[in-house]
């Protein structure tokens, strides 16, 4: 089982979601395929824009 921590962060003036998890090649590949995914080298995590769907 892999643990993933989901956090709300403020980045580039907006709300983002950060996913934190130990290095796992398969999971890294899945995360990189998510739309608008960015890698934060200073936070060492994936950062994603929060999209609200109503």
N, C-alpha and C. Protein backbone atom coordinates (compact mmCIF):
# COMPACT_ATOMS: atom_id res chain seq x y z
N UNK A 1 0.85 -1.17 0.00
CA UNK A 1 0.00 0.00 0.00
C UNK A 1 0.89 1.24 0.00
N UNK A 2 0.53 2.23 -0.81
CA UNK A 2 1.28 3.48 -0.89
C UNK A 2 0.49 4.58 -0.19
N UNK A 3 1.17 5.36 0.61
CA UNK A 3 0.53 6.50 1.28
C UNK A 3 0.72 7.75 0.44
N UNK A 4 -0.37 8.47 0.21
CA UNK A 4 -0.33 9.73 -0.53
C UNK A 4 -0.93 10.79 0.37
N UNK A 5 -0.21 11.87 0.57
CA UNK A 5 -0.70 12.99 1.37
C UNK A 5 -1.18 14.07 0.39
N UNK A 6 -2.41 14.51 0.58
CA UNK A 6 -3.00 15.56 -0.25
C UNK A 6 -3.09 16.82 0.59
N UNK A 7 -2.49 17.91 0.10
CA UNK A 7 -2.48 19.17 0.84
C UNK A 7 -2.96 20.31 -0.05
N UNK A 8 -3.62 21.27 0.55
CA UNK A 8 -3.97 22.51 -0.14
C UNK A 8 -2.83 23.49 0.10
N UNK A 9 -2.31 24.07 -0.99
CA UNK A 9 -1.23 25.03 -0.89
C UNK A 9 -1.57 26.26 -1.71
N UNK A 10 -0.97 27.40 -1.35
CA UNK A 10 -1.09 28.61 -2.15
C UNK A 10 0.17 28.69 -2.99
N UNK A 11 0.00 28.76 -4.29
CA UNK A 11 1.14 28.76 -5.20
C UNK A 11 0.80 29.64 -6.39
N UNK A 12 1.71 30.52 -6.77
CA UNK A 12 1.51 31.41 -7.92
C UNK A 12 0.21 32.18 -7.80
N UNK A 13 -0.13 32.60 -6.58
CA UNK A 13 -1.31 33.42 -6.36
C UNK A 13 -2.63 32.69 -6.38
N UNK A 14 -2.61 31.37 -6.36
CA UNK A 14 -3.87 30.63 -6.41
C UNK A 14 -3.84 29.38 -5.56
N UNK A 15 -5.00 28.82 -5.33
CA UNK A 15 -5.11 27.57 -4.59
C UNK A 15 -4.67 26.41 -5.47
N UNK A 16 -3.89 25.54 -4.89
CA UNK A 16 -3.41 24.35 -5.59
C UNK A 16 -3.53 23.15 -4.67
N UNK A 17 -3.44 21.99 -5.24
CA UNK A 17 -3.38 20.74 -4.49
C UNK A 17 -1.98 20.17 -4.68
N UNK A 18 -1.36 19.78 -3.58
CA UNK A 18 -0.05 19.13 -3.64
C UNK A 18 -0.22 17.67 -3.25
N UNK A 19 0.41 16.79 -4.01
CA UNK A 19 0.41 15.37 -3.70
C UNK A 19 1.82 15.01 -3.24
N UNK A 20 1.91 14.45 -2.05
CA UNK A 20 3.21 14.06 -1.50
C UNK A 20 3.20 12.55 -1.24
N UNK A 21 4.24 11.90 -1.77
CA UNK A 21 4.38 10.46 -1.56
C UNK A 21 5.84 10.07 -1.83
N UNK A 22 6.28 8.97 -1.22
CA UNK A 22 7.64 8.50 -1.49
C UNK A 22 7.80 8.16 -2.97
N UNK A 23 9.03 8.21 -3.45
CA UNK A 23 9.27 7.91 -4.85
C UNK A 23 8.75 6.51 -5.19
N UNK A 24 7.94 6.48 -6.23
CA UNK A 24 7.39 5.23 -6.74
C UNK A 24 7.17 5.44 -8.23
N UNK A 25 7.98 4.79 -9.06
CA UNK A 25 8.04 5.06 -10.49
C UNK A 25 6.67 4.98 -11.17
N UNK A 26 5.90 3.95 -10.88
CA UNK A 26 4.60 3.79 -11.54
C UNK A 26 3.65 4.93 -11.19
N UNK A 27 3.62 5.30 -9.91
CA UNK A 27 2.74 6.39 -9.47
C UNK A 27 3.21 7.72 -10.05
N UNK A 28 4.51 7.95 -10.12
CA UNK A 28 5.02 9.18 -10.73
C UNK A 28 4.55 9.30 -12.18
N UNK A 29 4.55 8.20 -12.91
CA UNK A 29 4.09 8.22 -14.29
C UNK A 29 2.62 8.58 -14.40
N UNK A 30 1.80 8.07 -13.51
CA UNK A 30 0.36 8.38 -13.51
C UNK A 30 0.15 9.86 -13.20
N UNK A 31 0.85 10.37 -12.19
CA UNK A 31 0.69 11.77 -11.79
C UNK A 31 1.10 12.71 -12.91
N UNK A 32 2.16 12.38 -13.62
CA UNK A 32 2.63 13.24 -14.72
C UNK A 32 1.62 13.31 -15.86
N UNK A 33 0.73 12.34 -15.96
CA UNK A 33 -0.28 12.32 -17.02
C UNK A 33 -1.52 13.15 -16.67
N UNK A 34 -1.66 13.60 -15.43
CA UNK A 34 -2.82 14.39 -15.04
C UNK A 34 -2.79 15.75 -15.74
N UNK A 35 -3.95 16.25 -16.18
CA UNK A 35 -4.00 17.55 -16.87
C UNK A 35 -3.48 18.67 -15.96
N UNK A 36 -2.70 19.57 -16.54
CA UNK A 36 -2.17 20.76 -15.85
C UNK A 36 -1.26 20.42 -14.68
N UNK A 37 -0.72 19.23 -14.64
CA UNK A 37 0.19 18.86 -13.56
C UNK A 37 1.51 19.60 -13.73
N UNK A 38 2.06 20.06 -12.63
CA UNK A 38 3.36 20.73 -12.62
C UNK A 38 4.20 20.11 -11.52
N UNK A 39 5.50 20.12 -11.70
CA UNK A 39 6.40 19.62 -10.68
C UNK A 39 7.04 20.81 -9.98
N UNK A 40 6.98 20.84 -8.68
CA UNK A 40 7.60 21.89 -7.89
C UNK A 40 8.92 21.36 -7.34
N UNK A 41 10.03 21.83 -7.91
CA UNK A 41 11.32 21.34 -7.45
C UNK A 41 11.66 21.85 -6.06
N UNK A 42 11.20 23.05 -5.70
CA UNK A 42 11.50 23.56 -4.36
C UNK A 42 10.66 22.85 -3.29
N UNK A 43 9.46 22.40 -3.64
CA UNK A 43 8.63 21.66 -2.70
C UNK A 43 8.80 20.15 -2.87
N UNK A 44 9.46 19.76 -3.97
CA UNK A 44 9.69 18.34 -4.30
C UNK A 44 8.38 17.54 -4.32
N UNK A 45 7.40 18.10 -5.03
CA UNK A 45 6.09 17.46 -5.09
C UNK A 45 5.36 17.87 -6.37
N UNK A 46 4.31 17.15 -6.70
CA UNK A 46 3.45 17.53 -7.81
C UNK A 46 2.44 18.56 -7.34
N UNK A 47 2.17 19.55 -8.18
CA UNK A 47 1.23 20.63 -7.84
C UNK A 47 0.14 20.64 -8.91
N UNK A 48 -1.11 20.76 -8.47
CA UNK A 48 -2.24 20.74 -9.38
C UNK A 48 -3.20 21.87 -9.06
N UNK A 49 -3.73 22.48 -10.09
CA UNK A 49 -4.71 23.54 -9.90
C UNK A 49 -6.01 22.93 -9.38
N UNK A 50 -6.65 23.62 -8.45
CA UNK A 50 -7.94 23.17 -7.93
C UNK A 50 -9.04 23.62 -8.89
N UNK A 51 -9.82 22.68 -9.36
CA UNK A 51 -10.94 22.98 -10.24
C UNK A 51 -12.21 22.57 -9.52
N UNK A 52 -13.11 23.52 -9.33
CA UNK A 52 -14.37 23.23 -8.66
C UNK A 52 -15.44 22.92 -9.69
N UNK A 53 -16.10 21.81 -9.52
CA UNK A 53 -17.16 21.39 -10.44
C UNK A 53 -18.47 21.40 -9.66
N UNK A 54 -19.45 22.14 -10.18
CA UNK A 54 -20.73 22.19 -9.46
C UNK A 54 -21.83 21.59 -10.28
